[in-house]
Amino acid sequence: MPTSASPAAGQDLQTLLAVARKYLQQKNLLEAAKSYFLVTRLHPDCLEAYCQLAVVLSESNFLPEASACIQRAIQLKPKQPKLRLFQGSILKRLGRFDEAADCCRQEIQIDPTDADAHYNLGLVLQNLDRSEEAITAFQTALHLRPGYVDALLNLGLVQRQSGKTDDAIRCFQEAVRREPQNPEAHWEFGTTLLSLGEFKTGWPEYEWRWQLKNFTTPAARFSQPRWDGSELHGQRILLHCEQGYGDIIQFARYATLVARRGGEVILGCPPALSSLLKTVPGVSEIATTPGGLEFDVHAPLMSLPAIFATTVANIPATGPYLTAPPGPPAGVLPAAPGFKVGIVWAGDPANKNDRRRSVTLEHFLPLVKMPGIICYSLQVGARTADLNHPEFAGRIVELGGGFHDFADTARAVAELDLIITVDTALAHLAGALGKPVWLLLPYEAEWRWMLEREDSPWYPTMRLFRQSAPGDWKGLFERLLLALPTRAG
């Protein structure tokens, strides 16, 4: 670390800042950080050095250090606009939402007309599930800056989360009108239309997903043309998957329709699904890697509903389209008498909506204790550790730990009487197998489950249990427990 004896110690402040600015302009973040850090040591009252060092550290994901720098800048100039706003954005990324909200409010006190401060306050309040306050913050931002598209989008999101779907639609429509090339505006507009069953206008909007910044699946680049739905006359067509396991299972059904157009269907999928998806009628070949494949045309799996002009009335859902592949069971299902229920309580924690869709295993305890009910855990991943709680000792038969792929899961599901699960791939698997499945949904569910329905046009054997208010898992499980004795017969 440079000291007062270093060559830089004798240089004036402006010379040191010029060096640091040059590194920043060149996007050499490491040298810029070193240079600004040196300035803070030699000139501890330099506001610019602390602010820019905070920017560099934030961009490099050193968030606690960035927060400390911006806090020092606030001490140097408490009334400087935007400092607390920057601090709030850092604290939000750290998950310290209450502190972030305080920073935004302090910024608003400095400048009540700052639309960005109201907008960022809305973002933080969204994360705190304080919907009405978030709506007010976004509306204030829009009043101060009419046409603020980010505020329009997030206002629409929080309105949709609050069940104000018509208001949300108006926000997304206005965002699309103001920024016709904004993919996020089209995406949110499209998924909201799909949740309303307005498929004709929703599917074209859904195609904007490929342009989203953080879309989970990169757009495929093939020299072969993309299929337009015309007759294939024996051509080989690659249907390539996207997004999560549940998405692939839900839309794999379209391979059968593609085959009816005269194509030789190659279905691309992850290895964990390969054995299972071989059972889809019409699939000629499974590909787990695209390299070396010979095909004539291709199509993304989740673009097929648009290609086939799918409406709620003509969803291909006449019966099971998957079959449990033959093989030994992955776990032991005792031959004891009783109604066999498979349960899953948690999804992938990496999913941005996981905190809303997953539940604690404790919610299932009354079900586990019901006479005549035998519960089997189909849970996989880290949350299988929840079974170690003393309350569940000897009460649940653990199967999920023995699953190696979805074929194993399918064989277990086939032996059970009912599946009860949160919104994970297992719900799609059970529905595709034609197994009775009860799906537990948060207040704002994914677009595919639509609004206010207790059934799903995608899966005839599925029953939907929805929260009656945000976060109300207790009320949902009370309704489920009342329904279970009738289902168990």
Protein backbone atom coordinates (compact mmCIF):
# COMPACT_ATOMS: atom_id res chain seq x y z
CA MET A 1 0.00 0.00 0.00
CA PRO A 2 1.44 3.44 -0.90
CA THR A 3 2.59 5.54 2.06
CA SER A 4 3.52 9.18 2.52
CA ALA A 5 7.00 8.19 1.38
CA SER A 6 5.76 6.90 -2.01
CA PRO A 7 6.26 8.94 -5.21
CA ALA A 8 2.52 9.69 -5.34
CA ALA A 9 2.62 11.37 -1.95
CA GLY A 10 4.12 14.51 -3.38
CA GLN A 11 1.58 14.86 -6.18
CA ASP A 12 -1.29 17.33 -5.89
CA LEU A 13 -4.89 16.19 -5.66
CA GLN A 14 -5.86 17.08 -9.24
CA THR A 15 -2.95 15.11 -10.68
CA LEU A 16 -3.93 12.03 -8.66
CA LEU A 17 -7.56 12.37 -9.67
CA ALA A 18 -6.60 12.71 -13.34
CA VAL A 19 -4.75 9.41 -13.16
CA ALA A 20 -7.70 7.71 -11.50
CA ARG A 21 -10.18 9.17 -14.02
CA LYS A 22 -8.05 7.94 -16.90
CA TYR A 23 -8.10 4.38 -15.56
CA LEU A 24 -11.87 4.63 -15.07
CA GLN A 25 -12.34 5.90 -18.62
CA GLN A 26 -10.31 2.95 -19.87
CA LYS A 27 -12.53 0.62 -17.77
CA ASN A 28 -9.46 -0.62 -15.94
CA LEU A 29 -11.36 -1.08 -12.70
CA LEU A 30 -8.50 -2.57 -10.71
CA GLU A 31 -6.12 0.32 -11.34
CA ALA A 32 -8.94 2.84 -10.95
CA ALA A 33 -9.76 1.35 -7.53
CA LYS A 34 -6.11 1.51 -6.48
CA SER A 35 -5.82 5.11 -7.64
CA TYR A 36 -8.98 6.32 -5.93
CA PHE A 37 -8.05 4.42 -2.78
CA LEU A 38 -4.70 6.23 -2.79
CA VAL A 39 -6.51 9.57 -3.05
CA THR A 40 -8.68 8.72 -0.03
CA ARG A 41 -5.55 7.95 2.00
CA LEU A 42 -3.69 11.11 0.98
CA HIS A 43 -6.75 13.39 0.82
CA PRO A 44 -9.36 11.96 3.22
CA ASP A 45 -11.81 14.82 2.53
CA CYS A 46 -12.05 14.24 -1.23
CA LEU A 47 -15.71 13.57 -1.99
CA GLU A 48 -15.09 12.52 -5.59
CA ALA A 49 -12.62 9.82 -4.59
CA TYR A 50 -15.04 8.14 -2.17
CA CYS A 51 -17.95 8.35 -4.64
CA GLN A 52 -15.99 6.94 -7.57
CA LEU A 53 -14.34 4.27 -5.45
CA ALA A 54 -17.83 3.23 -4.34
CA VAL A 55 -18.91 3.01 -7.99
CA VAL A 56 -15.92 0.83 -8.92
CA LEU A 57 -16.38 -1.43 -5.89
CA SER A 58 -20.11 -1.74 -6.58
CA GLU A 59 -19.50 -2.71 -10.21
CA SER A 60 -16.95 -5.27 -9.00
CA ASN A 61 -19.52 -6.66 -6.52
CA PHE A 62 -17.61 -5.59 -3.40
CA LEU A 63 -20.84 -4.32 -1.91
CA PRO A 64 -20.00 -3.88 1.82
CA GLU A 65 -16.85 -1.96 0.86
CA ALA A 66 -18.82 0.19 -1.60
CA SER A 67 -21.38 0.92 1.11
CA ALA A 68 -18.63 2.03 3.51
CA CYS A 69 -17.22 4.40 0.87
CA ILE A 70 -20.54 6.02 0.08
CA GLN A 71 -21.29 6.35 3.80
CA ARG A 72 -18.05 8.32 4.16
CA ALA A 73 -19.13 10.53 1.23
CA ILE A 74 -22.43 11.20 3.02
CA GLN A 75 -20.51 12.23 6.13
CA LEU A 76 -18.45 14.65 4.06
CA LYS A 77 -21.48 16.24 2.37
CA PRO A 78 -24.77 15.25 4.06
CA LYS A 79 -26.99 17.30 1.72
CA GLN A 80 -25.40 16.13 -1.54
CA PRO A 81 -28.16 14.80 -3.85
CA LYS A 82 -28.07 11.16 -5.04
CA LEU A 83 -25.63 9.89 -2.38
CA ARG A 84 -28.31 8.27 -0.24
CA LEU A 85 -29.99 6.99 -3.38
CA PHE A 86 -26.77 5.22 -4.34
CA GLN A 87 -26.40 3.88 -0.81
CA GLY A 88 -29.97 2.60 -0.95
CA SER A 89 -29.28 0.72 -4.20
CA ILE A 90 -26.25 -0.97 -2.63
CA LEU A 91 -28.17 -1.93 0.51
CA LYS A 92 -30.99 -3.32 -1.67
CA ARG A 93 -28.50 -5.59 -3.43
CA LEU A 94 -27.26 -6.71 -0.01
CA GLY A 95 -30.83 -7.63 0.97
CA ARG A 96 -30.93 -4.93 3.68
CA PHE A 97 -34.29 -3.62 2.49
CA ASP A 98 -35.41 -1.67 5.56
CA GLU A 99 -32.16 0.31 5.58
CA ALA A 100 -32.44 0.83 1.83
CA ALA A 101 -35.96 2.23 2.27
CA ASP A 102 -34.67 4.66 4.91
CA CYS A 103 -31.98 5.86 2.48
CA CYS A 104 -34.59 6.49 -0.22
CA ARG A 105 -36.78 8.44 2.20
CA GLN A 106 -33.81 10.56 3.28
CA GLU A 107 -33.09 11.28 -0.40
CA ILE A 108 -36.73 12.34 -0.86
CA GLN A 109 -36.35 14.76 2.06
CA ILE A 110 -33.36 16.34 0.30
CA ASP A 111 -35.24 16.58 -3.00
CA PRO A 112 -38.96 15.68 -2.94
CA THR A 113 -39.12 16.10 -6.73
CA ASP A 114 -36.56 13.37 -7.43
CA ALA A 115 -38.53 10.77 -9.41
CA ASP A 116 -35.67 8.26 -9.14
CA ALA A 117 -35.82 8.38 -5.34
CA HIS A 118 -39.55 7.58 -5.32
CA TYR A 119 -39.00 4.85 -7.92
CA ASN A 120 -36.22 3.20 -5.91
CA LEU A 121 -38.32 3.43 -2.76
CA GLY A 122 -41.01 1.53 -4.66
CA LEU A 123 -38.54 -1.19 -5.63
CA VAL A 124 -37.47 -1.68 -2.02
CA LEU A 125 -41.08 -1.72 -0.77
CA GLN A 126 -41.84 -4.40 -3.38
CA ASN A 127 -39.16 -6.58 -1.83
CA LEU A 128 -40.67 -5.97 1.59
CA ASP A 129 -44.09 -7.09 0.26
CA ARG A 130 -45.58 -3.69 1.14
CA SER A 131 -47.58 -3.50 -2.05
CA GLU A 132 -49.84 -0.52 -1.43
CA GLU A 133 -46.93 1.66 -0.34
CA ALA A 134 -44.95 0.51 -3.39
CA ILE A 135 -47.86 1.43 -5.67
CA THR A 136 -47.96 4.93 -4.15
CA ALA A 137 -44.20 5.36 -4.62
CA PHE A 138 -44.33 4.33 -8.29
CA GLN A 139 -47.34 6.54 -8.94
CA THR A 140 -45.48 9.50 -7.40
CA ALA A 141 -42.47 8.80 -9.62
CA LEU A 142 -44.77 8.78 -12.66
CA HIS A 143 -46.43 12.02 -11.57
CA LEU A 144 -43.01 13.66 -11.34
CA ARG A 145 -41.79 12.13 -14.59
CA PRO A 146 -44.64 11.19 -16.92
CA GLY A 147 -43.67 8.34 -19.22
CA TYR A 148 -41.09 6.89 -16.78
CA VAL A 149 -41.16 3.40 -18.33
CA ASP A 150 -39.31 1.56 -15.54
CA ALA A 151 -41.81 2.98 -13.06
CA LEU A 152 -44.69 1.95 -15.35
CA LEU A 153 -43.37 -1.61 -15.54
CA ASN A 154 -42.84 -2.02 -11.83
CA LEU A 155 -46.16 -0.37 -11.03
CA GLY A 156 -47.74 -2.95 -13.32
CA LEU A 157 -45.87 -5.77 -11.60
CA VAL A 158 -46.93 -4.80 -8.10
CA GLN A 159 -50.52 -4.22 -9.26
CA ARG A 160 -50.54 -7.68 -10.81
CA GLN A 161 -49.13 -9.15 -7.59
CA SER A 162 -51.98 -7.42 -5.72
CA GLY A 163 -54.63 -8.88 -8.02
CA LYS A 164 -55.24 -5.59 -9.89
CA THR A 165 -54.76 -7.21 -13.28
CA ASP A 166 -56.67 -4.63 -15.35
CA ASP A 167 -54.55 -1.83 -13.91
CA ALA A 168 -51.41 -3.85 -14.62
CA ILE A 169 -52.46 -4.38 -18.25
CA ARG A 170 -52.89 -0.62 -18.70
CA CYS A 171 -49.40 0.01 -17.32
CA PHE A 172 -47.78 -2.56 -19.62
CA GLN A 173 -49.71 -1.29 -22.64
CA GLU A 174 -48.54 2.25 -21.94
CA ALA A 175 -44.95 1.04 -21.51
CA VAL A 176 -45.13 -0.73 -24.89
CA ARG A 177 -46.63 2.38 -26.49
CA ARG A 178 -43.85 4.60 -25.17
CA GLU A 179 -41.01 2.17 -25.88
CA PRO A 180 -42.10 -0.18 -28.68
CA GLN A 181 -38.73 -1.97 -28.68
CA ASN A 182 -38.60 -2.57 -24.91
CA PRO A 183 -38.53 -6.40 -24.49
CA GLU A 184 -39.41 -6.31 -20.79
CA ALA A 185 -42.55 -4.28 -21.52
CA HIS A 186 -43.64 -6.80 -24.17
CA TRP A 187 -42.78 -9.75 -21.91
CA GLU A 188 -44.81 -8.52 -18.93
CA PHE A 189 -47.68 -7.51 -21.22
CA GLY A 190 -47.59 -10.92 -22.90
CA THR A 191 -47.45 -13.07 -19.76
CA THR A 192 -50.30 -11.07 -18.23
CA LEU A 193 -52.41 -11.62 -21.36
CA LEU A 194 -51.64 -15.35 -21.20
CA SER A 195 -52.72 -15.48 -17.56
CA LEU A 196 -56.05 -14.04 -18.67
CA GLY A 197 -56.41 -16.70 -21.36
CA GLU A 198 -55.93 -14.15 -24.15
CA PHE A 199 -53.62 -16.49 -26.05
CA LYS A 200 -54.10 -15.01 -29.52
CA THR A 201 -52.45 -11.72 -28.51
CA GLY A 202 -50.32 -13.20 -25.73
CA TRP A 203 -48.19 -15.69 -27.70
CA PRO A 204 -46.69 -13.09 -30.10
CA GLU A 205 -45.71 -10.94 -27.11
CA TYR A 206 -44.14 -14.00 -25.47
CA GLU A 207 -41.65 -14.20 -28.36
CA TRP A 208 -39.92 -11.09 -26.96
CA ARG A 209 -38.41 -13.32 -24.26
CA TRP A 210 -35.30 -13.88 -26.37
CA GLN A 211 -34.38 -10.20 -26.08
CA LEU A 212 -34.64 -10.00 -22.29
CA LYS A 213 -31.35 -9.15 -20.59
CA ASN A 214 -31.52 -11.92 -18.01
CA PHE A 215 -33.44 -14.55 -19.95
CA THR A 216 -32.36 -17.97 -18.70
CA THR A 217 -31.82 -19.53 -22.13
CA PRO A 218 -29.71 -17.92 -24.88
CA ALA A 219 -31.35 -17.80 -28.28
CA ALA A 220 -30.25 -20.75 -30.44
CA ARG A 221 -28.09 -19.98 -33.47
CA PHE A 222 -28.54 -22.48 -36.27
CA SER A 223 -27.80 -22.19 -39.97
CA GLN A 224 -30.98 -24.17 -40.68
CA PRO A 225 -34.21 -22.15 -41.00
CA ARG A 226 -36.72 -21.81 -38.20
CA TRP A 227 -39.90 -23.79 -38.83
CA ASP A 228 -43.02 -21.78 -39.64
CA GLY A 229 -45.59 -24.54 -39.07
CA SER A 230 -45.91 -25.68 -42.68
CA GLU A 231 -46.08 -29.35 -43.70
CA LEU A 232 -42.70 -31.03 -43.19
CA HIS A 233 -42.88 -33.82 -45.79
CA GLY A 234 -40.43 -36.05 -43.93
CA GLN A 235 -37.91 -33.35 -42.97
CA ARG A 236 -35.98 -33.73 -39.74
CA ILE A 237 -36.92 -31.04 -37.23
CA LEU A 238 -35.07 -30.19 -34.03
CA LEU A 239 -37.25 -28.97 -31.17
CA HIS A 240 -34.84 -27.33 -28.75
CA CYS A 241 -35.70 -26.79 -25.10
CA GLU A 242 -35.51 -23.67 -23.00
CA GLN A 243 -36.01 -22.42 -19.45
CA GLY A 244 -36.64 -25.01 -16.70
CA TYR A 245 -37.50 -28.69 -16.40
CA GLY A 246 -41.17 -27.92 -15.84
CA ASP A 247 -41.34 -25.81 -19.00
CA ILE A 248 -39.82 -28.61 -21.05
CA ILE A 249 -42.23 -31.20 -19.67
CA GLN A 250 -45.27 -28.96 -20.21
CA PHE A 251 -44.51 -28.18 -23.84
CA ALA A 252 -43.03 -31.53 -24.88
CA ARG A 253 -46.61 -32.52 -25.78
CA TYR A 254 -46.27 -30.41 -28.94
CA ALA A 255 -43.78 -32.89 -30.38
CA THR A 256 -46.76 -35.11 -31.20
CA LEU A 257 -48.44 -32.32 -33.18
CA VAL A 258 -45.20 -31.59 -35.03
CA ALA A 259 -44.90 -35.26 -36.02
CA ARG A 260 -48.43 -35.10 -37.43
CA ARG A 261 -47.22 -32.37 -39.78
CA GLY A 262 -45.02 -35.03 -41.37
CA GLY A 263 -41.77 -34.37 -39.55
CA GLU A 264 -39.15 -36.63 -38.07
CA VAL A 265 -38.93 -35.10 -34.59
CA ILE A 266 -35.66 -34.70 -32.69
CA LEU A 267 -36.37 -33.44 -29.19
CA GLY A 268 -33.50 -31.70 -27.43
CA CYS A 269 -33.44 -31.84 -23.64
CA PRO A 270 -31.12 -32.10 -20.60
CA PRO A 271 -29.84 -35.60 -19.72
CA ALA A 272 -32.06 -35.77 -16.64
CA LEU A 273 -35.14 -35.77 -18.90
CA SER A 274 -33.89 -37.89 -21.77
CA SER A 275 -35.26 -41.31 -20.72
CA LEU A 276 -38.63 -39.84 -19.80
CA LEU A 277 -39.16 -37.75 -22.95
CA LYS A 278 -38.46 -40.74 -25.20
CA THR A 279 -42.00 -41.82 -24.26
CA VAL A 280 -43.65 -38.74 -25.89
CA PRO A 281 -45.63 -40.00 -28.92
CA GLY A 282 -44.09 -38.78 -32.16
CA VAL A 283 -40.53 -38.30 -30.87
CA SER A 284 -38.07 -40.12 -33.12
CA GLU A 285 -34.85 -39.14 -31.40
CA ILE A 286 -33.65 -37.51 -28.18
CA ALA A 287 -30.62 -35.20 -28.26
CA THR A 288 -28.91 -34.02 -25.09
CA THR A 289 -26.31 -31.98 -26.99
CA PRO A 290 -26.83 -30.08 -30.28
CA GLY A 291 -23.39 -30.89 -31.68
CA GLY A 292 -23.24 -33.17 -34.72
CA LEU A 293 -26.99 -33.29 -35.28
CA GLU A 294 -28.35 -33.39 -38.79
CA PHE A 295 -31.71 -31.67 -39.25
CA ASP A 296 -33.51 -29.50 -41.78
CA VAL A 297 -35.47 -27.03 -39.66
CA HIS A 298 -35.76 -26.15 -35.99
CA ALA A 299 -38.16 -24.54 -33.51
CA PRO A 300 -37.97 -23.50 -29.84
CA LEU A 301 -40.22 -25.73 -27.77
CA MET A 302 -42.09 -22.85 -26.15
CA SER A 303 -42.75 -21.14 -29.47
CA LEU A 304 -44.87 -24.10 -30.62
CA PRO A 305 -48.10 -22.88 -28.96
CA ALA A 306 -47.91 -19.77 -31.14
CA ILE A 307 -47.08 -21.81 -34.26
CA PHE A 308 -50.11 -24.04 -33.63
CA ALA A 309 -52.35 -21.03 -32.78
CA THR A 310 -53.10 -22.50 -29.35
CA THR A 311 -56.12 -21.15 -27.50
CA VAL A 312 -57.55 -22.19 -24.14
CA ALA A 313 -60.09 -24.26 -26.06
CA ASN A 314 -57.64 -26.26 -28.17
CA ILE A 315 -54.74 -26.90 -25.77
CA PRO A 316 -53.50 -30.45 -26.58
CA ALA A 317 -54.54 -32.03 -23.27
CA THR A 318 -56.73 -34.99 -24.14
CA GLY A 319 -54.79 -37.43 -21.95
CA PRO A 320 -51.38 -38.45 -20.58
CA TYR A 321 -48.51 -37.89 -23.00
CA LEU A 322 -45.72 -39.32 -20.84
CA THR A 323 -45.22 -42.84 -19.53
CA ALA A 324 -42.99 -43.95 -16.69
CA PRO A 325 -40.13 -45.80 -18.41
CA PRO A 326 -39.67 -49.42 -17.36
CA GLY A 327 -37.06 -50.02 -14.71
CA PRO A 328 -36.57 -50.77 -11.03
CA PRO A 329 -38.15 -48.37 -8.52
CA ALA A 330 -35.78 -45.79 -7.07
CA GLY A 331 -37.14 -46.36 -3.58
CA VAL A 332 -39.18 -48.82 -1.59
CA LEU A 333 -42.94 -48.28 -1.44
CA PRO A 334 -44.25 -50.40 1.41
CA ALA A 335 -47.27 -52.56 0.61
CA ALA A 336 -49.05 -51.22 3.71
CA PRO A 337 -52.73 -50.33 3.26
CA GLY A 338 -53.49 -46.64 3.02
CA PHE A 339 -53.82 -43.73 0.62
CA LYS A 340 -50.37 -42.98 -0.76
CA VAL A 341 -49.56 -39.26 -1.13
CA GLY A 342 -46.33 -37.92 -2.62
CA ILE A 343 -45.33 -34.47 -1.38
CA VAL A 344 -42.89 -31.73 -2.42
CA TRP A 345 -42.63 -28.51 -0.44
CA ALA A 346 -39.77 -26.57 -2.03
CA GLY A 347 -38.47 -25.63 -5.46
CA ASP A 348 -35.09 -24.52 -6.73
CA PRO A 349 -33.82 -21.74 -4.41
CA ALA A 350 -32.16 -20.09 -7.43
CA ASN A 351 -35.60 -19.27 -8.86
CA LYS A 352 -36.30 -15.57 -8.26
CA ASN A 353 -39.84 -16.37 -7.11
CA ASP A 354 -38.86 -19.23 -4.80
CA ARG A 355 -39.52 -17.36 -1.57
CA ARG A 356 -43.15 -16.99 -2.61
CA ARG A 357 -43.75 -20.45 -4.07
CA SER A 358 -41.96 -22.72 -1.54
CA VAL A 359 -43.30 -23.60 1.91
CA THR A 360 -41.94 -25.08 5.10
CA LEU A 361 -42.46 -28.80 5.67
CA GLU A 362 -44.30 -27.98 8.90
CA HIS A 363 -47.34 -27.01 6.83
CA PHE A 364 -47.70 -30.68 5.87
CA LEU A 365 -47.67 -31.96 9.46
CA PRO A 366 -51.49 -32.18 9.89
CA LEU A 367 -51.68 -34.07 6.61
CA VAL A 368 -48.90 -36.44 7.67
CA LYS A 369 -50.78 -37.18 10.91
CA MET A 370 -54.09 -37.98 9.20
CA PRO A 371 -55.23 -41.61 9.71
CA GLY A 372 -55.07 -43.74 6.59
CA ILE A 373 -52.63 -41.39 4.81
CA ILE A 374 -49.10 -42.54 3.98
CA CYS A 375 -46.82 -39.69 2.90
CA TYR A 376 -43.85 -40.13 0.60
CA SER A 377 -41.26 -37.39 0.13
CA LEU A 378 -40.44 -36.76 -3.53
CA GLN A 379 -38.37 -33.72 -2.54
CA VAL A 380 -34.88 -33.44 -4.01
CA GLY A 381 -32.02 -31.08 -3.27
CA ALA A 382 -30.93 -29.36 -0.07
CA ARG A 383 -34.44 -29.12 1.37
CA THR A 384 -34.55 -32.90 1.90
CA ALA A 385 -32.73 -32.02 5.15
CA ASP A 386 -36.08 -30.72 6.47
CA LEU A 387 -37.05 -34.38 6.99
CA ASN A 388 -34.52 -34.60 9.83
CA HIS A 389 -36.80 -32.57 12.09
CA PRO A 390 -37.93 -34.75 15.05
CA GLU A 391 -41.61 -34.05 14.28
CA PHE A 392 -41.30 -36.05 11.06
CA ALA A 393 -39.26 -38.97 12.32
CA GLY A 394 -40.86 -42.16 11.04
CA ARG A 395 -43.85 -40.27 9.60
CA ILE A 396 -42.69 -39.75 5.98
CA VAL A 397 -41.16 -42.32 3.63
CA GLU A 398 -38.20 -40.68 1.91
CA LEU A 399 -37.89 -41.43 -1.82
CA GLY A 400 -36.41 -38.33 -3.44
CA GLY A 401 -32.89 -38.98 -2.24
CA GLY A 402 -32.78 -42.07 -4.48
CA PHE A 403 -33.79 -40.30 -7.69
CA HIS A 404 -31.12 -40.03 -10.38
CA ASP A 405 -33.30 -38.58 -13.13
CA PHE A 406 -36.93 -37.87 -13.96
CA ALA A 407 -37.50 -41.46 -15.06
CA ASP A 408 -36.89 -42.52 -11.44
CA THR A 409 -39.31 -39.84 -10.26
CA ALA A 410 -41.92 -40.93 -12.81
CA ARG A 411 -41.75 -44.56 -11.65
CA ALA A 412 -42.37 -43.45 -8.07
CA VAL A 413 -45.21 -41.11 -9.05
CA ALA A 414 -46.89 -43.92 -10.98
CA GLU A 415 -47.17 -45.97 -7.77
CA LEU A 416 -48.83 -43.20 -5.72
CA ASP A 417 -52.48 -42.21 -5.41
CA LEU A 418 -52.06 -38.42 -5.24
CA ILE A 419 -49.29 -35.86 -5.62
CA ILE A 420 -49.36 -32.65 -3.57
CA THR A 421 -46.67 -30.17 -4.56
CA VAL A 422 -45.71 -26.54 -4.75
CA ASP A 423 -45.08 -25.08 -8.21
CA THR A 424 -42.15 -27.21 -9.37
CA ALA A 425 -41.36 -29.57 -12.26
CA LEU A 426 -43.01 -32.40 -10.32
CA ALA A 427 -46.42 -30.79 -10.86
CA HIS A 428 -45.87 -30.91 -14.64
CA LEU A 429 -44.54 -34.46 -14.46
CA ALA A 430 -47.53 -35.75 -12.51
CA GLY A 431 -49.95 -33.93 -14.82
CA ALA A 432 -48.22 -35.24 -17.95
CA LEU A 433 -48.43 -38.78 -16.54
CA GLY A 434 -52.16 -38.33 -15.93
CA LYS A 435 -51.72 -38.72 -12.16
CA PRO A 436 -54.05 -36.82 -9.79
CA VAL A 437 -52.05 -33.82 -8.60
CA TRP A 438 -52.88 -30.96 -6.25
CA LEU A 439 -50.83 -27.87 -6.97
CA LEU A 440 -50.22 -25.31 -4.20
CA LEU A 441 -49.96 -21.80 -5.64
CA PRO A 442 -48.98 -18.41 -4.22
CA TYR A 443 -51.38 -15.48 -4.53
CA GLU A 444 -49.74 -14.37 -7.77
CA ALA A 445 -49.11 -17.58 -9.67
CA GLU A 446 -47.23 -18.04 -12.93
CA TRP A 447 -49.09 -17.12 -16.11
CA ARG A 448 -49.61 -20.78 -17.09
CA TRP A 449 -51.96 -21.37 -14.14
CA MET A 450 -54.13 -18.42 -15.23
CA LEU A 451 -56.37 -16.53 -12.80
CA GLU A 452 -59.00 -17.66 -10.31
CA ARG A 453 -59.20 -21.22 -11.67
CA GLU A 454 -59.25 -24.37 -9.58
CA ASP A 455 -58.42 -26.51 -12.61
CA SER A 456 -55.85 -26.30 -15.40
CA PRO A 457 -56.64 -26.61 -19.11
CA TRP A 458 -53.09 -27.95 -19.52
CA TYR A 459 -53.56 -30.92 -17.17
CA PRO A 460 -57.03 -32.52 -16.75
CA THR A 461 -56.01 -34.40 -13.57
CA MET A 462 -54.74 -31.30 -11.77
CA ARG A 463 -56.50 -29.33 -9.04
CA LEU A 464 -55.25 -25.87 -8.08
CA PHE A 465 -55.19 -24.58 -4.51
CA ARG A 466 -54.46 -20.85 -4.45
CA GLN A 467 -53.61 -18.51 -1.60
CA SER A 468 -56.58 -16.27 -0.87
CA ALA A 469 -54.20 -13.47 0.20
CA PRO A 470 -50.45 -12.93 -0.32
CA GLY A 471 -48.47 -15.28 1.91
CA ASP A 472 -51.54 -17.10 3.27
CA TRP A 473 -50.30 -20.69 3.22
CA LYS A 474 -52.18 -21.42 6.45
CA GLY A 475 -55.58 -20.81 4.89
CA LEU A 476 -54.63 -22.78 1.78
CA PHE A 477 -53.62 -25.85 3.80
CA GLU A 478 -56.82 -25.63 5.84
CA ARG A 479 -58.85 -25.92 2.61
CA LEU A 480 -56.62 -28.73 1.37
CA LEU A 481 -57.05 -30.73 4.58
CA LEU A 482 -60.81 -30.40 4.34
CA ALA A 483 -60.74 -31.73 0.77
CA LEU A 484 -58.36 -34.63 1.34
CA PRO A 485 -60.67 -37.10 3.15
CA THR A 486 -63.12 -36.94 0.21
CA ARG A 487 -60.30 -37.50 -2.29
CA ALA A 488 -58.85 -40.34 -0.23
CA GLY A 489 -62.28 -41.97 -0.27
